[in-house]
mmCIF file of all heavy atoms, coordinates in Angstrom:
data_MODEL
# 
_entry.id   MODEL 
# 
loop_
_atom_site.group_PDB 
_atom_site.id 
_atom_site.type_symbol 
_atom_site.label_atom_id 
_atom_site.label_alt_id 
_atom_site.label_comp_id 
_atom_site.label_asym_id 
_atom_site.label_entity_id 
_atom_site.label_seq_id 
_atom_site.pdbx_PDB_ins_code 
_atom_site.Cartn_x 
_atom_site.Cartn_y 
_atom_site.Cartn_z 
_atom_site.occupancy 
_atom_site.B_iso_or_equiv 
_atom_site.pdbx_formal_charge 
_atom_site.auth_seq_id 
_atom_site.auth_comp_id 
_atom_site.auth_asym_id 
_atom_site.auth_atom_id 
_atom_site.pdbx_PDB_model_num 
ATOM 1   N N   . ALA A 1 1  ? 17.113 5.092   6.562  1.00 0.00 ? 1  ALA A N   1 
ATOM 2   C CA  . ALA A 1 1  ? 16.059 4.148   6.875  1.00 0.00 ? 1  ALA A CA  1 
ATOM 3   C C   . ALA A 1 1  ? 15.725 4.105   8.373  1.00 0.00 ? 1  ALA A C   1 
ATOM 4   O O   . ALA A 1 1  ? 16.630 4.125   9.212  1.00 0.00 ? 1  ALA A O   1 
ATOM 5   C CB  . ALA A 1 1  ? 16.422 2.771   6.408  1.00 0.00 ? 1  ALA A CB  1 
ATOM 6   N N   . ASP A 1 2  ? 14.424 4.025   8.668  1.00 0.00 ? 2  ASP A N   1 
ATOM 7   C CA  . ASP A 1 2  ? 13.976 3.695   10.007 1.00 0.00 ? 2  ASP A CA  1 
ATOM 8   C C   . ASP A 1 2  ? 13.797 2.163   10.127 1.00 0.00 ? 2  ASP A C   1 
ATOM 9   O O   . ASP A 1 2  ? 13.916 1.617   11.222 1.00 0.00 ? 2  ASP A O   1 
ATOM 10  C CB  . ASP A 1 2  ? 12.634 4.347   10.311 1.00 0.00 ? 2  ASP A CB  1 
ATOM 11  C CG  . ASP A 1 2  ? 12.732 5.871   10.313 1.00 0.00 ? 2  ASP A CG  1 
ATOM 12  O OD1 . ASP A 1 2  ? 13.193 6.389   11.348 1.00 0.00 ? 2  ASP A OD1 1 
ATOM 13  O OD2 . ASP A 1 2  ? 12.365 6.508   9.334  1.00 0.00 ? 2  ASP A OD2 1 
ATOM 14  N N   . LEU A 1 3  ? 13.498 1.542   8.989  1.00 0.00 ? 3  LEU A N   1 
ATOM 15  C CA  . LEU A 1 3  ? 13.160 0.112   8.960  1.00 0.00 ? 3  LEU A CA  1 
ATOM 16  C C   . LEU A 1 3  ? 13.595 -0.494  7.651  1.00 0.00 ? 3  LEU A C   1 
ATOM 17  O O   . LEU A 1 3  ? 13.396 0.116   6.596  1.00 0.00 ? 3  LEU A O   1 
ATOM 18  C CB  . LEU A 1 3  ? 11.630 -0.049  9.139  1.00 0.00 ? 3  LEU A CB  1 
ATOM 19  C CG  . LEU A 1 3  ? 11.039 -1.436  9.021  1.00 0.00 ? 3  LEU A CG  1 
ATOM 20  C CD1 . LEU A 1 3  ? 11.521 -2.360  10.113 1.00 0.00 ? 3  LEU A CD1 1 
ATOM 21  C CD2 . LEU A 1 3  ? 9.514  -1.338  9.066  1.00 0.00 ? 3  LEU A CD2 1 
ATOM 22  N N   . ILE A 1 4  ? 14.195 -1.675  7.713  1.00 0.00 ? 4  ILE A N   1 
ATOM 23  C CA  . ILE A 1 4  ? 14.567 -2.422  6.509  1.00 0.00 ? 4  ILE A CA  1 
ATOM 24  C C   . ILE A 1 4  ? 13.996 -3.816  6.676  1.00 0.00 ? 4  ILE A C   1 
ATOM 25  O O   . ILE A 1 4  ? 14.204 -4.501  7.680  1.00 0.00 ? 4  ILE A O   1 
ATOM 26  C CB  . ILE A 1 4  ? 16.087 -2.477  6.331  1.00 0.00 ? 4  ILE A CB  1 
ATOM 27  C CG1 . ILE A 1 4  ? 16.637 -1.066  6.099  1.00 0.00 ? 4  ILE A CG1 1 
ATOM 28  C CG2 . ILE A 1 4  ? 16.432 -3.385  5.126  1.00 0.00 ? 4  ILE A CG2 1 
ATOM 29  C CD1 . ILE A 1 4  ? 18.154 -0.999  6.025  1.00 0.00 ? 4  ILE A CD1 1 
ATOM 30  N N   . LEU A 1 5  ? 13.252 -4.250  5.662  1.00 0.00 ? 5  LEU A N   1 
ATOM 31  C CA  . LEU A 1 5  ? 12.650 -5.591  5.662  1.00 0.00 ? 5  LEU A CA  1 
ATOM 32  C C   . LEU A 1 5  ? 13.319 -6.442  4.591  1.00 0.00 ? 5  LEU A C   1 
ATOM 33  O O   . LEU A 1 5  ? 13.399 -6.046  3.443  1.00 0.00 ? 5  LEU A O   1 
ATOM 34  C CB  . LEU A 1 5  ? 11.167 -5.485  5.389  1.00 0.00 ? 5  LEU A CB  1 
ATOM 35  C CG  . LEU A 1 5  ? 10.329 -4.671  6.379  1.00 0.00 ? 5  LEU A CG  1 
ATOM 36  C CD1 . LEU A 1 5  ? 8.892  -4.556  5.904  1.00 0.00 ? 5  LEU A CD1 1 
ATOM 37  C CD2 . LEU A 1 5  ? 10.399 -5.236  7.779  1.00 0.00 ? 5  LEU A CD2 1 
ATOM 38  N N   . ILE A 1 6  ? 13.724 -7.631  5.013  1.00 0.00 ? 6  ILE A N   1 
ATOM 39  C CA  . ILE A 1 6  ? 14.368 -8.603  4.103  1.00 0.00 ? 6  ILE A CA  1 
ATOM 40  C C   . ILE A 1 6  ? 13.461 -9.821  4.014  1.00 0.00 ? 6  ILE A C   1 
ATOM 41  O O   . ILE A 1 6  ? 13.177 -10.434 5.028  1.00 0.00 ? 6  ILE A O   1 
ATOM 42  C CB  . ILE A 1 6  ? 15.763 -9.023  4.616  1.00 0.00 ? 6  ILE A CB  1 
ATOM 43  C CG1 . ILE A 1 6  ? 16.647 -7.810  4.912  1.00 0.00 ? 6  ILE A CG1 1 
ATOM 44  C CG2 . ILE A 1 6  ? 16.421 -10.000 3.657  1.00 0.00 ? 6  ILE A CG2 1 
ATOM 45  C CD1 . ILE A 1 6  ? 17.067 -7.013  3.712  1.00 0.00 ? 6  ILE A CD1 1 
ATOM 46  N N   . THR A 1 7  ? 13.035 -10.191 2.806  1.00 0.00 ? 7  THR A N   1 
ATOM 47  C CA  . THR A 1 7  ? 12.121 -11.334 2.671  1.00 0.00 ? 7  THR A CA  1 
ATOM 48  C C   . THR A 1 7  ? 12.843 -12.681 2.714  1.00 0.00 ? 7  THR A C   1 
ATOM 49  O O   . THR A 1 7  ? 12.269 -13.676 3.149  1.00 0.00 ? 7  THR A O   1 
ATOM 50  C CB  . THR A 1 7  ? 11.310 -11.252 1.355  1.00 0.00 ? 7  THR A CB  1 
ATOM 51  O OG1 . THR A 1 7  ? 12.232 -11.263 0.244  1.00 0.00 ? 7  THR A OG1 1 
ATOM 52  C CG2 . THR A 1 7  ? 10.467 -10.001 1.300  1.00 0.00 ? 7  THR A CG2 1 
ATOM 53  N N   . HIS A 1 8  ? 14.097 -12.710 2.266  1.00 0.00 ? 8  HIS A N   1 
ATOM 54  C CA  . HIS A 1 8  ? 14.910 -13.943 2.305  1.00 0.00 ? 8  HIS A CA  1 
ATOM 55  C C   . HIS A 1 8  ? 16.347 -13.561 2.020  1.00 0.00 ? 8  HIS A C   1 
ATOM 56  O O   . HIS A 1 8  ? 16.673 -12.445 1.642  1.00 0.00 ? 8  HIS A O   1 
ATOM 57  C CB  . HIS A 1 8  ? 14.373 -14.996 1.351  1.00 0.00 ? 8  HIS A CB  1 
ATOM 58  C CG  . HIS A 1 8  ? 14.412 -14.640 -0.081 1.00 0.00 ? 8  HIS A CG  1 
ATOM 59  N ND1 . HIS A 1 8  ? 13.618 -13.660 -0.636 1.00 0.00 ? 8  HIS A ND1 1 
ATOM 60  C CD2 . HIS A 1 8  ? 15.176 -15.091 -1.095 1.00 0.00 ? 8  HIS A CD2 1 
ATOM 61  C CE1 . HIS A 1 8  ? 13.861 -13.544 -1.913 1.00 0.00 ? 8  HIS A CE1 1 
ATOM 62  N NE2 . HIS A 1 8  ? 14.830 -14.411 -2.220 1.00 0.00 ? 8  HIS A NE2 1 
ATOM 63  N N   . GLU A 1 9  ? 17.231 -14.542 2.186  1.00 0.00 ? 9  GLU A N   1 
ATOM 64  C CA  . GLU A 1 9  ? 18.661 -14.245 2.166  1.00 0.00 ? 9  GLU A CA  1 
ATOM 65  C C   . GLU A 1 9  ? 19.343 -14.420 0.813  1.00 0.00 ? 9  GLU A C   1 
ATOM 66  O O   . GLU A 1 9  ? 20.574 -14.452 0.757  1.00 0.00 ? 9  GLU A O   1 
ATOM 67  C CB  . GLU A 1 9  ? 19.384 -15.077 3.228  1.00 0.00 ? 9  GLU A CB  1 
ATOM 68  C CG  . GLU A 1 9  ? 18.945 -14.744 4.649  1.00 0.00 ? 9  GLU A CG  1 
ATOM 69  C CD  . GLU A 1 9  ? 19.234 -13.301 5.037  1.00 0.00 ? 9  GLU A CD  1 
ATOM 70  O OE1 . GLU A 1 9  ? 20.151 -12.687 4.478  1.00 0.00 ? 9  GLU A OE1 1 
ATOM 71  O OE2 . GLU A 1 9  ? 18.525 -12.757 5.932  1.00 0.00 ? 9  GLU A OE2 1 
ATOM 72  N N   . HIS A 1 10 ? 18.599 -14.520 -0.291 1.00 0.00 ? 10 HIS A N   1 
ATOM 73  C CA  . HIS A 1 10 ? 19.270 -14.533 -1.594 1.00 0.00 ? 10 HIS A CA  1 
ATOM 74  C C   . HIS A 1 10 ? 19.899 -13.161 -1.831 1.00 0.00 ? 10 HIS A C   1 
ATOM 75  O O   . HIS A 1 10 ? 19.376 -12.116 -1.438 1.00 0.00 ? 10 HIS A O   1 
ATOM 76  C CB  . HIS A 1 10 ? 18.258 -14.849 -2.720 1.00 0.00 ? 10 HIS A CB  1 
ATOM 77  C CG  . HIS A 1 10 ? 17.855 -16.293 -2.690 1.00 0.00 ? 10 HIS A CG  1 
ATOM 78  N ND1 . HIS A 1 10 ? 16.920 -16.806 -3.579 1.00 0.00 ? 10 HIS A ND1 1 
ATOM 79  C CD2 . HIS A 1 10 ? 18.259 -17.373 -1.947 1.00 0.00 ? 10 HIS A CD2 1 
ATOM 80  C CE1 . HIS A 1 10 ? 16.771 -18.102 -3.354 1.00 0.00 ? 10 HIS A CE1 1 
ATOM 81  N NE2 . HIS A 1 10 ? 17.565 -18.459 -2.371 1.00 0.00 ? 10 HIS A NE2 1 
ATOM 82  N N   . THR A 1 11 ? 21.046 -13.169 -2.493 1.00 0.00 ? 11 THR A N   1 
ATOM 83  C CA  . THR A 1 11 ? 21.829 -11.961 -2.645 1.00 0.00 ? 11 THR A CA  1 
ATOM 84  C C   . THR A 1 11 ? 21.064 -10.790 -3.250 1.00 0.00 ? 11 THR A C   1 
ATOM 85  O O   . THR A 1 11 ? 21.276 -9.635  -2.911 1.00 0.00 ? 11 THR A O   1 
ATOM 86  C CB  . THR A 1 11 ? 23.078 -12.262 -3.547 1.00 0.00 ? 11 THR A CB  1 
ATOM 87  O OG1 . THR A 1 11 ? 23.778 -13.336 -2.959 1.00 0.00 ? 11 THR A OG1 1 
ATOM 88  C CG2 . THR A 1 11 ? 23.983 -11.048 -3.643 1.00 0.00 ? 11 THR A CG2 1 
ATOM 89  N N   . ASP A 1 12 ? 20.122 -11.084 -4.154 1.00 0.00 ? 12 ASP A N   1 
ATOM 90  C CA  . ASP A 1 12 ? 19.389 -9.999  -4.846 1.00 0.00 ? 12 ASP A CA  1 
ATOM 91  C C   . ASP A 1 12 ? 18.237 -9.467  -4.004 1.00 0.00 ? 12 ASP A C   1 
ATOM 92  O O   . ASP A 1 12 ? 17.358 -8.783  -4.515 1.00 0.00 ? 12 ASP A O   1 
ATOM 93  C CB  . ASP A 1 12 ? 18.906 -10.478 -6.205 1.00 0.00 ? 12 ASP A CB  1 
ATOM 94  C CG  . ASP A 1 12 ? 17.947 -11.650 -6.138 1.00 0.00 ? 12 ASP A CG  1 
ATOM 95  O OD1 . ASP A 1 12 ? 18.027 -12.461 -5.199 1.00 0.00 ? 12 ASP A OD1 1 
ATOM 96  O OD2 . ASP A 1 12 ? 17.114 -11.782 -7.067 1.00 0.00 ? 12 ASP A OD2 1 
ATOM 97  N N   . HIS A 1 13 ? 18.254 -9.750  -2.693 1.00 0.00 ? 13 HIS A N   1 
ATOM 98  C CA  . HIS A 1 13 ? 17.189 -9.235  -1.816 1.00 0.00 ? 13 HIS A CA  1 
ATOM 99  C C   . HIS A 1 13 ? 17.708 -8.704  -0.485 1.00 0.00 ? 13 HIS A C   1 
ATOM 100 O O   . HIS A 1 13 ? 16.951 -8.152  0.289  1.00 0.00 ? 13 HIS A O   1 
ATOM 101 C CB  . HIS A 1 13 ? 16.159 -10.325 -1.506 1.00 0.00 ? 13 HIS A CB  1 
ATOM 102 C CG  . HIS A 1 13 ? 15.332 -10.715 -2.693 1.00 0.00 ? 13 HIS A CG  1 
ATOM 103 N ND1 . HIS A 1 13 ? 14.058 -10.264 -2.898 1.00 0.00 ? 13 HIS A ND1 1 
ATOM 104 C CD2 . HIS A 1 13 ? 15.636 -11.470 -3.779 1.00 0.00 ? 13 HIS A CD2 1 
ATOM 105 C CE1 . HIS A 1 13 ? 13.597 -10.750 -4.049 1.00 0.00 ? 13 HIS A CE1 1 
ATOM 106 N NE2 . HIS A 1 13 ? 14.547 -11.485 -4.597 1.00 0.00 ? 13 HIS A NE2 1 
ATOM 107 N N   . ASN A 1 14 ? 18.985 -8.886  -0.164 1.00 0.00 ? 14 ASN A N   1 
ATOM 108 C CA  . ASN A 1 14 ? 19.400 -8.685  1.198  1.00 0.00 ? 14 ASN A CA  1 
ATOM 109 C C   . ASN A 1 14 ? 20.602 -7.761  1.416  1.00 0.00 ? 14 ASN A C   1 
ATOM 110 O O   . ASN A 1 14 ? 21.353 -7.931  2.361  1.00 0.00 ? 14 ASN A O   1 
ATOM 111 C CB  . ASN A 1 14 ? 19.691 -10.042 1.851  1.00 0.00 ? 14 ASN A CB  1 
ATOM 112 C CG  . ASN A 1 14 ? 20.942 -10.675 1.331  1.00 0.00 ? 14 ASN A CG  1 
ATOM 113 O OD1 . ASN A 1 14 ? 21.620 -10.168 0.451  1.00 0.00 ? 14 ASN A OD1 1 
ATOM 114 N ND2 . ASN A 1 14 ? 21.326 -11.810 1.907  1.00 0.00 ? 14 ASN A ND2 1 
ATOM 115 N N   . GLN A 1 15 ? 20.763 -6.773  0.546  1.00 0.00 ? 15 GLN A N   1 
ATOM 116 C CA  . GLN A 1 15 ? 21.942 -5.886  0.679  1.00 0.00 ? 15 GLN A CA  1 
ATOM 117 C C   . GLN A 1 15 ? 21.601 -4.660  1.527  1.00 0.00 ? 15 GLN A C   1 
ATOM 118 O O   . GLN A 1 15 ? 21.595 -3.528  1.043  1.00 0.00 ? 15 GLN A O   1 
ATOM 119 C CB  . GLN A 1 15 ? 22.412 -5.466  -0.712 1.00 0.00 ? 15 GLN A CB  1 
ATOM 120 C CG  . GLN A 1 15 ? 22.700 -6.642  -1.623 1.00 0.00 ? 15 GLN A CG  1 
ATOM 121 C CD  . GLN A 1 15 ? 23.799 -7.537  -1.070 1.00 0.00 ? 15 GLN A CD  1 
ATOM 122 O OE1 . GLN A 1 15 ? 24.865 -7.072  -0.702 1.00 0.00 ? 15 GLN A OE1 1 
ATOM 123 N NE2 . GLN A 1 15 ? 23.490 -8.838  -0.998 1.00 0.00 ? 15 GLN A NE2 1 
ATOM 124 N N   . SER A 1 16 ? 21.328 -4.906  2.815  1.00 0.00 ? 16 SER A N   1 
ATOM 125 C CA  . SER A 1 16 ? 20.850 -3.828  3.680  1.00 0.00 ? 16 SER A CA  1 
ATOM 126 C C   . SER A 1 16 ? 21.905 -2.702  3.838  1.00 0.00 ? 16 SER A C   1 
ATOM 127 O O   . SER A 1 16 ? 21.538 -1.547  4.102  1.00 0.00 ? 16 SER A O   1 
ATOM 128 C CB  . SER A 1 16 ? 20.453 -4.351  5.051  1.00 0.00 ? 16 SER A CB  1 
ATOM 129 O OG  . SER A 1 16 ? 21.566 -5.017  5.650  1.00 0.00 ? 16 SER A OG  1 
ATOM 130 N N   . ASP A 1 17 ? 23.165 -3.015  3.655  1.00 0.00 ? 17 ASP A N   1 
ATOM 131 C CA  . ASP A 1 17 ? 24.215 -2.007  3.881  1.00 0.00 ? 17 ASP A CA  1 
ATOM 132 C C   . ASP A 1 17 ? 24.277 -0.939  2.782  1.00 0.00 ? 17 ASP A C   1 
ATOM 133 O O   . ASP A 1 17 ? 24.995 0.030   2.965  1.00 0.00 ? 17 ASP A O   1 
ATOM 134 C CB  . ASP A 1 17 ? 25.598 -2.696  4.013  1.00 0.00 ? 17 ASP A CB  1 
ATOM 135 C CG  . ASP A 1 17 ? 25.986 -3.518  2.825  1.00 0.00 ? 17 ASP A CG  1 
ATOM 136 O OD1 . ASP A 1 17 ? 25.122 -3.836  1.963  1.00 0.00 ? 17 ASP A OD1 1 
ATOM 137 O OD2 . ASP A 1 17 ? 27.168 -3.866  2.696  1.00 0.00 ? 17 ASP A OD2 1 
ATOM 138 N N   . ILE A 1 18 ? 23.560 -1.106  1.692  1.00 0.00 ? 18 ILE A N   1 
ATOM 139 C CA  . ILE A 1 18 ? 23.581 -0.065  0.641  1.00 0.00 ? 18 ILE A CA  1 
ATOM 140 C C   . ILE A 1 18 ? 22.642 1.083   0.998  1.00 0.00 ? 18 ILE A C   1 
ATOM 141 O O   . ILE A 1 18 ? 22.756 2.166   0.399  1.00 0.00 ? 18 ILE A O   1 
ATOM 142 C CB  . ILE A 1 18 ? 23.232 -0.592  -0.756 1.00 0.00 ? 18 ILE A CB  1 
ATOM 143 C CG1 . ILE A 1 18 ? 21.786 -1.036  -0.897 1.00 0.00 ? 18 ILE A CG1 1 
ATOM 144 C CG2 . ILE A 1 18 ? 24.193 -1.686  -1.175 1.00 0.00 ? 18 ILE A CG2 1 
ATOM 145 C CD1 . ILE A 1 18 ? 21.370 -1.354  -2.317 1.00 0.00 ? 18 ILE A CD1 1 
ATOM 146 N N   . ALA A 1 19 ? 21.747 0.893   1.947  1.00 0.00 ? 19 ALA A N   1 
ATOM 147 C CA  . ALA A 1 19 ? 20.797 1.944   2.318  1.00 0.00 ? 19 ALA A CA  1 
ATOM 148 C C   . ALA A 1 19 ? 21.335 2.747   3.470  1.00 0.00 ? 19 ALA A C   1 
ATOM 149 O O   . ALA A 1 19 ? 21.863 2.207   4.443  1.00 0.00 ? 19 ALA A O   1 
ATOM 150 C CB  . ALA A 1 19 ? 19.459 1.330   2.715  1.00 0.00 ? 19 ALA A CB  1 
ATOM 151 N N   . ALA A 1 20 ? 21.216 4.067   3.364  1.00 0.00 ? 20 ALA A N   1 
ATOM 152 C CA  . ALA A 1 20 ? 21.510 4.923   4.534  1.00 0.00 ? 20 ALA A CA  1 
ATOM 153 C C   . ALA A 1 20 ? 20.588 4.543   5.645  1.00 0.00 ? 20 ALA A C   1 
ATOM 154 O O   . ALA A 1 20 ? 19.443 4.165   5.433  1.00 0.00 ? 20 ALA A O   1 
ATOM 155 C CB  . ALA A 1 20 ? 21.307 6.385   4.124  1.00 0.00 ? 20 ALA A CB  1 
ATOM 156 N N   . GLN A 1 21 ? 21.101 4.563   6.898  1.00 0.00 ? 21 GLN A N   1 
ATOM 157 C CA  . GLN A 1 21 ? 20.316 4.118   8.039  1.00 0.00 ? 21 GLN A CA  1 
ATOM 158 C C   . GLN A 1 21 ? 20.420 5.090   9.180  1.00 0.00 ? 21 GLN A C   1 
ATOM 159 O O   . GLN A 1 21 ? 21.461 5.635   9.480  1.00 0.00 ? 21 GLN A O   1 
ATOM 160 C CB  . GLN A 1 21 ? 20.811 2.740   8.510  1.00 0.00 ? 21 GLN A CB  1 
ATOM 161 C CG  . GLN A 1 21 ? 20.712 1.646   7.444  1.00 0.00 ? 21 GLN A CG  1 
ATOM 162 C CD  . GLN A 1 21 ? 21.310 0.324   7.896  1.00 0.00 ? 21 GLN A CD  1 
ATOM 163 O OE1 . GLN A 1 21 ? 21.363 0.039   9.086  1.00 0.00 ? 21 GLN A OE1 1 
ATOM 164 N NE2 . GLN A 1 21 ? 21.771 -0.463  6.933  1.00 0.00 ? 21 GLN A NE2 1 
ATOM 165 N N   . LYS A 1 22 ? 19.262 5.309   9.846  1.00 0.00 ? 22 LYS A N   1 
ATOM 166 C CA  . LYS A 1 22 ? 19.289 6.089   11.089 1.00 0.00 ? 22 LYS A CA  1 
ATOM 167 C C   . LYS A 1 22 ? 19.873 5.216   12.197 1.00 0.00 ? 22 LYS A C   1 
ATOM 168 O O   . LYS A 1 22 ? 19.924 3.985   12.076 1.00 0.00 ? 22 LYS A O   1 
ATOM 169 C CB  . LYS A 1 22 ? 17.842 6.517   11.435 1.00 0.00 ? 22 LYS A CB  1 
ATOM 170 C CG  . LYS A 1 22 ? 17.306 7.501   10.419 1.00 0.00 ? 22 LYS A CG  1 
ATOM 171 C CD  . LYS A 1 22 ? 15.891 7.936   10.795 1.00 0.00 ? 22 LYS A CD  1 
ATOM 172 C CE  . LYS A 1 22 ? 15.343 8.870   9.714  1.00 0.00 ? 22 LYS A CE  1 
ATOM 173 N NZ  . LYS A 1 22 ? 13.926 9.198   9.933  1.00 0.00 ? 22 LYS A NZ  1 
ATOM 174 N N   . ARG A 1 23 ? 20.308 5.846   13.258 1.00 0.00 ? 23 ARG A N   1 
ATOM 175 C CA  . ARG A 1 23 ? 20.970 5.116   14.346 1.00 0.00 ? 23 ARG A CA  1 
ATOM 176 C C   . ARG A 1 23 ? 20.068 4.034   14.922 1.00 0.00 ? 23 ARG A C   1 
ATOM 177 O O   . ARG A 1 23 ? 20.512 2.949   15.303 1.00 0.00 ? 23 ARG A O   1 
ATOM 178 C CB  . ARG A 1 23 ? 21.365 6.105   15.452 1.00 0.00 ? 23 ARG A CB  1 
ATOM 179 C CG  . ARG A 1 23 ? 22.188 5.463   16.541 1.00 0.00 ? 23 ARG A CG  1 
ATOM 180 C CD  . ARG A 1 23 ? 22.497 6.393   17.662 1.00 0.00 ? 23 ARG A CD  1 
ATOM 181 N NE  . ARG A 1 23 ? 22.989 7.681   17.212 1.00 0.00 ? 23 ARG A NE  1 
ATOM 182 C CZ  . ARG A 1 23 ? 23.174 8.751   17.973 1.00 0.00 ? 23 ARG A CZ  1 
ATOM 183 N NH1 . ARG A 1 23 ? 22.944 8.627   19.280 1.00 0.00 ? 23 ARG A NH1 1 
ATOM 184 N NH2 . ARG A 1 23 ? 23.603 9.862   17.492 1.00 0.00 ? 23 ARG A NH2 1 
ATOM 185 N N   . HIS A 1 24 ? 18.782 4.298   14.984 1.00 0.00 ? 24 HIS A N   1 
ATOM 186 C CA  . HIS A 1 24 ? 17.824 3.342   15.576 1.00 0.00 ? 24 HIS A CA  1 
ATOM 187 C C   . HIS A 1 24 ? 17.202 2.417   14.538 1.00 0.00 ? 24 HIS A C   1 
ATOM 188 O O   . HIS A 1 24 ? 16.221 1.721   14.832 1.00 0.00 ? 24 HIS A O   1 
ATOM 189 C CB  . HIS A 1 24 ? 16.718 4.097   16.310 1.00 0.00 ? 24 HIS A CB  1 
ATOM 190 C CG  . HIS A 1 24 ? 15.863 4.926   15.373 1.00 0.00 ? 24 HIS A CG  1 
ATOM 191 N ND1 . HIS A 1 24 ? 16.183 6.231   15.075 1.00 0.00 ? 24 HIS A ND1 1 
ATOM 192 C CD2 . HIS A 1 24 ? 14.744 4.633   14.688 1.00 0.00 ? 24 HIS A CD2 1 
ATOM 193 C CE1 . HIS A 1 24 ? 15.276 6.714   14.205 1.00 0.00 ? 24 HIS A CE1 1 
ATOM 194 N NE2 . HIS A 1 24 ? 14.396 5.759   13.967 1.00 0.00 ? 24 HIS A NE2 1 
ATOM 195 N N   . CYS A 1 25 ? 17.744 2.373   13.322 1.00 0.00 ? 25 CYS A N   1 
ATOM 196 C CA  . CYS A 1 25 ? 17.145 1.573   12.242 1.00 0.00 ? 25 CYS A CA  1 
ATOM 197 C C   . CYS A 1 25 ? 17.005 0.120   12.660 1.00 0.00 ? 25 CYS A C   1 
ATOM 198 O O   . CYS A 1 25 ? 17.957 -0.495  13.171 1.00 0.00 ? 25 CYS A O   1 
ATOM 199 C CB  . CYS A 1 25 ? 18.022 1.655   10.986 1.00 0.00 ? 25 CYS A CB  1 
ATOM 200 S SG  . CYS A 1 25 ? 17.399 0.666   9.621  1.00 0.00 ? 25 CYS A SG  1 
ATOM 201 N N   . LEU A 1 26 ? 15.813 -0.449  12.436 1.00 0.00 ? 26 LEU A N   1 
ATOM 202 C CA  . LEU A 1 26 ? 15.554 -1.836  12.719 1.00 0.00 ? 26 LEU A CA  1 
ATOM 203 C C   . LEU A 1 26 ? 15.599 -2.631  11.409 1.00 0.00 ? 26 LEU A C   1 
ATOM 204 O O   . LEU A 1 26 ? 14.955 -2.250  10.431 1.00 0.00 ? 26 LEU A O   1 
ATOM 205 C CB  . LEU A 1 26 ? 14.179 -1.975  13.369 1.00 0.00 ? 26 LEU A CB  1 
ATOM 206 C CG  . LEU A 1 26 ? 13.694 -3.409  13.662 1.00 0.00 ? 26 LEU A CG  1 
ATOM 207 C CD1 . LEU A 1 26 ? 14.611 -4.085  14.674 1.00 0.00 ? 26 LEU A CD1 1 
ATOM 208 C CD2 . LEU A 1 26 ? 12.267 -3.397  14.146 1.00 0.00 ? 26 LEU A CD2 1 
ATOM 209 N N   . ILE A 1 27 ? 16.335 -3.720  11.412 1.00 0.00 ? 27 ILE A N   1 
ATOM 210 C CA  . ILE A 1 27 ? 16.397 -4.608  10.231 1.00 0.00 ? 27 ILE A CA  1 
ATOM 211 C C   . ILE A 1 27 ? 15.707 -5.912  10.625 1.00 0.00 ? 27 ILE A C   1 
ATOM 212 O O   . ILE A 1 27 ? 16.088 -6.551  11.583 1.00 0.00 ? 27 ILE A O   1 
ATOM 213 C CB  . ILE A 1 27 ? 17.858 -4.863  9.800  1.00 0.00 ? 27 ILE A CB  1 
ATOM 214 C CG1 . ILE A 1 27 ? 18.531 -3.564  9.392  1.00 0.00 ? 27 ILE A CG1 1 
ATOM 215 C CG2 . ILE A 1 27 ? 17.864 -5.857  8.624  1.00 0.00 ? 27 ILE A CG2 1 
ATOM 216 C CD1 . ILE A 1 27 ? 20.014 -3.693  9.065  1.00 0.00 ? 27 ILE A CD1 1 
ATOM 217 N N   . ILE A 1 28 ? 14.653 -6.249  9.891  1.00 0.00 ? 28 ILE A N   1 
ATOM 218 C CA  . ILE A 1 28 ? 13.912 -7.481  10.129 1.00 0.00 ? 28 ILE A CA  1 
ATOM 219 C C   . ILE A 1 28 ? 14.185 -8.414  8.948  1.00 0.00 ? 28 ILE A C   1 
ATOM 220 O O   . ILE A 1 28 ? 13.926 -8.070  7.795  1.00 0.00 ? 28 ILE A O   1 
ATOM 221 C CB  . ILE A 1 28 ? 12.418 -7.230  10.271 1.00 0.00 ? 28 ILE A CB  1 
ATOM 222 C CG1 . ILE A 1 28 ? 12.151 -6.310  11.495 1.00 0.00 ? 28 ILE A CG1 1 
ATOM 223 C CG2 . ILE A 1 28 ? 11.649 -8.544  10.432 1.00 0.00 ? 28 ILE A CG2 1 
ATOM 224 C CD1 . ILE A 1 28 ? 10.711 -5.865  11.621 1.00 0.00 ? 28 ILE A CD1 1 
ATOM 225 N N   . ARG A 1 29 ? 14.745 -9.583  9.258  1.00 0.00 ? 29 ARG A N   1 
ATOM 226 C CA  . ARG A 1 29 ? 15.040 -10.595 8.245  1.00 0.00 ? 29 ARG A CA  1 
ATOM 227 C C   . ARG A 1 29 ? 14.043 -11.702 8.356  1.00 0.00 ? 29 ARG A C   1 
ATOM 228 O O   . ARG A 1 29 ? 13.268 -11.804 9.323  1.00 0.00 ? 29 ARG A O   1 
ATOM 229 C CB  . ARG A 1 29 ? 16.446 -11.105 8.478  1.00 0.00 ? 29 ARG A CB  1 
ATOM 230 C CG  . ARG A 1 29 ? 17.505 -10.024 8.652  1.00 0.00 ? 29 ARG A CG  1 
ATOM 231 C CD  . ARG A 1 29 ? 18.885 -10.579 8.775  1.00 0.00 ? 29 ARG A CD  1 
ATOM 232 N NE  . ARG A 1 29 ? 19.497 -10.684 7.480  1.00 0.00 ? 29 ARG A NE  1 
ATOM 233 C CZ  . ARG A 1 29 ? 20.123 -9.657  6.862  1.00 0.00 ? 29 ARG A CZ  1 
ATOM 234 N NH1 . ARG A 1 29 ? 20.249 -8.495  7.462  1.00 0.00 ? 29 ARG A NH1 1 
ATOM 235 N NH2 . ARG A 1 29 ? 20.649 -9.833  5.691  1.00 0.00 ? 29 ARG A NH2 1 
# 
C-alpha cells in the first residue's frame, strides 16, 4: 500500500496491519 484510509475505529474497518505496506505508506484515520 501507498495509502490506507480508515473510516472509523470499529474492528471490522481498521485492521491496517493486514495489508502489505510500502515504507512511505500513509495511513489516514
